[in-house]
Amino acid sequence: MGGNSLMGTFEHTIDAKGRMAFPNKLREKLGLSFIVTIGPEHCLYVYSEAEWENFTAKIMTLTGEKARAAKMFIVKACTVEPDKQGRILIPQNLREYAHLDHDVTVLGVINRAEIWDSAHFNNISGSISEEMLSDALSDIAF
């Protein structure tokens, strides 16, 4: 992806109506509208329309149990468009799935963004040790 890679960590809040400011640096790379769906570990995945097409093409190659499970990524998905203030509206069912009440953390993760409840993200990220990180990166030559 080169210069189009999504990266960074951004802290935001979600209001009672389900609106949140979406980071400008990520919006610039995702486009005028983008796709939000469920992700593992009770977070939300955010894809550009082009990356969504790539993702769903891969899902279409799955069969059996994996195909049935992956279908949830598609049926829970919705298209969002930032308003003039750069806010997006997260539908209630997705907010409930990801336990998004107030404080949210938005991550740029190469080909997608992720939206997490901040406390949940901090708990998960705090459980990653330096040894685990080193082991995960050991197969990649720098």
C-alpha atoms as a PDB file:
ATOM      1  CA  MET A   1       0.000   0.000   0.000  1.00  0.00           C
ATOM      2  CA  GLY A   2       2.975   2.302   0.416  1.00  0.00           C
ATOM      3  CA  GLY A   3       1.849   5.892   0.945  1.00  0.00           C
ATOM      4  CA  ASN A   4      -1.769   4.801   1.358  1.00  0.00           C
ATOM      5  CA  SER A   5      -1.128   2.780   4.522  1.00  0.00           C
ATOM      6  CA  LEU A   6      -3.321   3.681   7.451  1.00  0.00           C
ATOM      7  CA  MET A   7      -1.433   4.153  10.710  1.00  0.00           C
ATOM      8  CA  GLY A   8      -1.615   5.891  14.042  1.00  0.00           C
ATOM      9  CA  THR A   9      -3.644   5.920  17.249  1.00  0.00           C
ATOM     10  CA  PHE A  10      -6.326   8.538  17.867  1.00  0.00           C
ATOM     11  CA  GLU A  11      -8.418   9.175  20.976  1.00  0.00           C
ATOM     12  CA  HIS A  12     -11.974  10.427  20.500  1.00  0.00           C
ATOM     13  CA  THR A  13     -15.396  10.357  22.123  1.00  0.00           C
ATOM     14  CA  ILE A  14     -18.728   9.139  20.847  1.00  0.00           C
ATOM     15  CA  ASP A  15     -21.824  11.166  21.721  1.00  0.00           C
ATOM     16  CA  ALA A  16     -25.247   9.934  22.856  1.00  0.00           C
ATOM     17  CA  LYS A  17     -26.481   9.979  19.247  1.00  0.00           C
ATOM     18  CA  GLY A  18     -23.652   7.669  18.146  1.00  0.00           C
ATOM     19  CA  ARG A  19     -21.598  10.327  16.359  1.00  0.00           C
ATOM     20  CA  MET A  20     -17.848  10.551  16.609  1.00  0.00           C
ATOM     21  CA  ALA A  21     -15.189  12.677  14.989  1.00  0.00           C
ATOM     22  CA  PHE A  22     -13.198  10.420  12.697  1.00  0.00           C
ATOM     23  CA  PRO A  23      -9.480  11.257  12.402  1.00  0.00           C
ATOM     24  CA  ASN A  24      -8.759  13.476   9.412  1.00  0.00           C
ATOM     25  CA  LYS A  25      -5.524  11.622   8.591  1.00  0.00           C
ATOM     26  CA  LEU A  26      -7.504   8.398   8.195  1.00  0.00           C
ATOM     27  CA  ARG A  27     -10.462  10.025   6.401  1.00  0.00           C
ATOM     28  CA  GLU A  28      -8.097  11.393   3.761  1.00  0.00           C
ATOM     29  CA  LYS A  29      -6.990   7.858   2.898  1.00  0.00           C
ATOM     30  CA  LEU A  30     -10.371   6.138   3.277  1.00  0.00           C
ATOM     31  CA  GLY A  31     -12.253   8.452   0.935  1.00  0.00           C
ATOM     32  CA  LEU A  32     -15.550  10.330   0.984  1.00  0.00           C
ATOM     33  CA  SER A  33     -17.451   7.323   2.307  1.00  0.00           C
ATOM     34  CA  PHE A  34     -16.275   4.101   3.860  1.00  0.00           C
ATOM     35  CA  ILE A  35     -17.508   0.797   5.241  1.00  0.00           C
ATOM     36  CA  VAL A  36     -17.833  -0.027   8.953  1.00  0.00           C
ATOM     37  CA  THR A  37     -18.428  -3.583  10.139  1.00  0.00           C
ATOM     38  CA  ILE A  38     -17.788  -5.853  13.102  1.00  0.00           C
ATOM     39  CA  GLY A  39     -14.297  -7.093  13.856  1.00  0.00           C
ATOM     40  CA  PRO A  40     -12.929  -9.759  16.169  1.00  0.00           C
ATOM     41  CA  GLU A  41     -12.454  -8.961  19.852  1.00  0.00           C
ATOM     42  CA  HIS A  42     -15.471  -6.618  19.894  1.00  0.00           C
ATOM     43  CA  CYS A  43     -14.025  -3.801  17.827  1.00  0.00           C
ATOM     44  CA  LEU A  44     -15.184  -2.331  14.527  1.00  0.00           C
ATOM     45  CA  TYR A  45     -13.302  -2.547  11.242  1.00  0.00           C
ATOM     46  CA  VAL A  46     -13.346   0.390   8.818  1.00  0.00           C
ATOM     47  CA  TYR A  47     -12.500  -0.117   5.137  1.00  0.00           C
ATOM     48  CA  SER A  48     -12.230   2.163   2.137  1.00  0.00           C
ATOM     49  CA  GLU A  49     -14.642   1.153  -0.616  1.00  0.00           C
ATOM     50  CA  ALA A  50     -11.757  -0.261  -2.699  1.00  0.00           C
ATOM     51  CA  GLU A  51     -10.347  -2.257   0.221  1.00  0.00           C
ATOM     52  CA  TRP A  52     -13.865  -3.506   1.056  1.00  0.00           C
ATOM     53  CA  GLU A  53     -14.121  -4.905  -2.476  1.00  0.00           C
ATOM     54  CA  ASN A  54     -10.805  -6.735  -1.975  1.00  0.00           C
ATOM     55  CA  PHE A  55     -11.936  -8.032   1.414  1.00  0.00           C
ATOM     56  CA  THR A  56     -15.326  -9.286   0.216  1.00  0.00           C
ATOM     57  CA  ALA A  57     -13.738 -10.940  -2.839  1.00  0.00           C
ATOM     58  CA  LYS A  58     -11.610 -12.999  -0.427  1.00  0.00           C
ATOM     59  CA  ILE A  59     -14.665 -13.844   1.678  1.00  0.00           C
ATOM     60  CA  MET A  60     -16.425 -15.128  -1.446  1.00  0.00           C
ATOM     61  CA  THR A  61     -13.721 -17.801  -1.822  1.00  0.00           C
ATOM     62  CA  LEU A  62     -14.534 -19.313   1.578  1.00  0.00           C
ATOM     63  CA  THR A  63     -16.734 -22.376   1.998  1.00  0.00           C
ATOM     64  CA  GLY A  64     -18.476 -24.237   4.800  1.00  0.00           C
ATOM     65  CA  GLU A  65     -18.165 -23.038   8.406  1.00  0.00           C
ATOM     66  CA  LYS A  66     -15.711 -20.290   7.506  1.00  0.00           C
ATOM     67  CA  ALA A  67     -18.093 -18.897   4.888  1.00  0.00           C
ATOM     68  CA  ARG A  68     -21.010 -18.871   7.353  1.00  0.00           C
ATOM     69  CA  ALA A  69     -18.917 -17.129   9.996  1.00  0.00           C
ATOM     70  CA  ALA A  70     -17.427 -14.598   7.554  1.00  0.00           C
ATOM     71  CA  LYS A  71     -20.916 -13.709   6.317  1.00  0.00           C
ATOM     72  CA  MET A  72     -21.391 -11.786   9.583  1.00  0.00           C
ATOM     73  CA  PHE A  73     -18.752  -9.277   8.445  1.00  0.00           C
ATOM     74  CA  ILE A  74     -20.916  -8.550   5.398  1.00  0.00           C
ATOM     75  CA  VAL A  75     -24.415  -8.538   6.877  1.00  0.00           C
ATOM     76  CA  LYS A  76     -23.390  -6.242   9.750  1.00  0.00           C
ATOM     77  CA  ALA A  77     -21.610  -3.754   7.446  1.00  0.00           C
ATOM     78  CA  CYS A  78     -22.810  -0.255   6.644  1.00  0.00           C
ATOM     79  CA  THR A  79     -21.544   2.670   4.599  1.00  0.00           C
ATOM     80  CA  VAL A  80     -20.821   5.880   6.496  1.00  0.00           C
ATOM     81  CA  GLU A  81     -20.113   9.381   5.223  1.00  0.00           C
ATOM     82  CA  PRO A  82     -18.446  12.008   7.392  1.00  0.00           C
ATOM     83  CA  ASP A  83     -20.473  15.190   7.887  1.00  0.00           C
ATOM     84  CA  LYS A  84     -19.001  18.695   7.461  1.00  0.00           C
ATOM     85  CA  GLN A  85     -17.415  18.458  10.925  1.00  0.00           C
ATOM     86  CA  GLY A  86     -15.771  15.116  10.044  1.00  0.00           C
ATOM     87  CA  ARG A  87     -18.126  13.106  12.252  1.00  0.00           C
ATOM     88  CA  ILE A  88     -19.509   9.711  11.362  1.00  0.00           C
ATOM     89  CA  LEU A  89     -22.627   8.072  12.747  1.00  0.00           C
ATOM     90  CA  ILE A  90     -22.040   4.576  14.116  1.00  0.00           C
ATOM     91  CA  PRO A  91     -25.309   2.585  14.022  1.00  0.00           C
ATOM     92  CA  GLN A  92     -26.670   1.394  17.365  1.00  0.00           C
ATOM     93  CA  ASN A  93     -26.138  -2.315  16.620  1.00  0.00           C
ATOM     94  CA  LEU A  94     -22.440  -1.722  15.890  1.00  0.00           C
ATOM     95  CA  ARG A  95     -22.016   0.484  18.976  1.00  0.00           C
ATOM     96  CA  GLU A  96     -23.537  -2.266  21.087  1.00  0.00           C
ATOM     97  CA  TYR A  97     -21.336  -4.959  19.517  1.00  0.00           C
ATOM     98  CA  ALA A  98     -18.147  -2.974  20.235  1.00  0.00           C
ATOM     99  CA  HIS A  99     -19.381  -1.598  23.601  1.00  0.00           C
ATOM    100  CA  LEU A 100     -18.868   1.979  22.406  1.00  0.00           C
ATOM    101  CA  ASP A 101     -20.294   4.314  25.030  1.00  0.00           C
ATOM    102  CA  HIS A 102     -18.027   7.340  25.302  1.00  0.00           C
ATOM    103  CA  ASP A 103     -14.234   7.045  24.988  1.00  0.00           C
ATOM    104  CA  VAL A 104     -13.040   5.413  21.766  1.00  0.00           C
ATOM    105  CA  THR A 105      -9.643   4.660  20.296  1.00  0.00           C
ATOM    106  CA  VAL A 106      -9.246   4.673  16.522  1.00  0.00           C
ATOM    107  CA  LEU A 107      -6.303   2.813  15.013  1.00  0.00           C
ATOM    108  CA  GLY A 108      -4.825   2.907  11.535  1.00  0.00           C
ATOM    109  CA  VAL A 109      -3.843  -0.699  10.756  1.00  0.00           C
ATOM    110  CA  ILE A 110      -2.289  -0.744   7.262  1.00  0.00           C
ATOM    111  CA  ASN A 111      -5.326  -1.554   5.077  1.00  0.00           C
ATOM    112  CA  ARG A 112      -8.124  -0.685   7.522  1.00  0.00           C
ATOM    113  CA  ALA A 113      -8.936   1.376  10.574  1.00  0.00           C
ATOM    114  CA  GLU A 114     -10.297  -0.068  13.789  1.00  0.00           C
ATOM    115  CA  ILE A 115     -12.603   1.533  16.353  1.00  0.00           C
ATOM    116  CA  TRP A 116     -12.292   0.269  19.932  1.00  0.00           C
ATOM    117  CA  ASP A 117     -13.792   1.099  23.283  1.00  0.00           C
ATOM    118  CA  SER A 118     -10.741   2.780  24.843  1.00  0.00           C
ATOM    119  CA  ALA A 119     -10.779   0.786  28.087  1.00  0.00           C
ATOM    120  CA  HIS A 120     -11.060  -2.506  26.167  1.00  0.00           C
ATOM    121  CA  PHE A 121      -8.234  -1.521  23.803  1.00  0.00           C
ATOM    122  CA  ASN A 122      -5.988  -0.452  26.697  1.00  0.00           C
ATOM    123  CA  ASN A 123      -6.626  -3.767  28.435  1.00  0.00           C
ATOM    124  CA  ILE A 124      -5.756  -5.785  25.331  1.00  0.00           C
ATOM    125  CA  SER A 125      -2.763  -3.693  24.282  1.00  0.00           C
ATOM    126  CA  GLY A 126      -1.430  -3.737  27.846  1.00  0.00           C
ATOM    127  CA  SER A 127      -1.293  -7.528  27.727  1.00  0.00           C
ATOM    128  CA  ILE A 128       1.227  -7.517  24.845  1.00  0.00           C
ATOM    129  CA  SER A 129       4.711  -7.962  26.259  1.00  0.00           C
ATOM    130  CA  GLU A 130       7.949  -6.846  24.624  1.00  0.00           C
ATOM    131  CA  GLU A 131       8.807 -10.525  24.163  1.00  0.00           C
ATOM    132  CA  MET A 132       5.516 -11.148  22.339  1.00  0.00           C
ATOM    133  CA  LEU A 133       6.141  -8.129  20.109  1.00  0.00           C
ATOM    134  CA  SER A 134       9.686  -9.230  19.349  1.00  0.00           C
ATOM    135  CA  ASP A 135       8.495 -12.758  18.550  1.00  0.00           C
ATOM    136  CA  ALA A 136       5.744 -11.460  16.266  1.00  0.00           C
ATOM    137  CA  LEU A 137       8.247  -9.342  14.310  1.00  0.00           C
ATOM    138  CA  SER A 138      11.046 -11.936  14.212  1.00  0.00           C
ATOM    139  CA  ASP A 139      10.000 -13.279  10.822  1.00  0.00           C
ATOM    140  CA  ILE A 140      10.122  -9.835   9.226  1.00  0.00           C
ATOM    141  CA  ALA A 141      13.468  -8.545   8.061  1.00  0.00           C
ATOM    142  CA  PHE A 142      13.999  -4.840   8.742  1.00  0.00           C
END
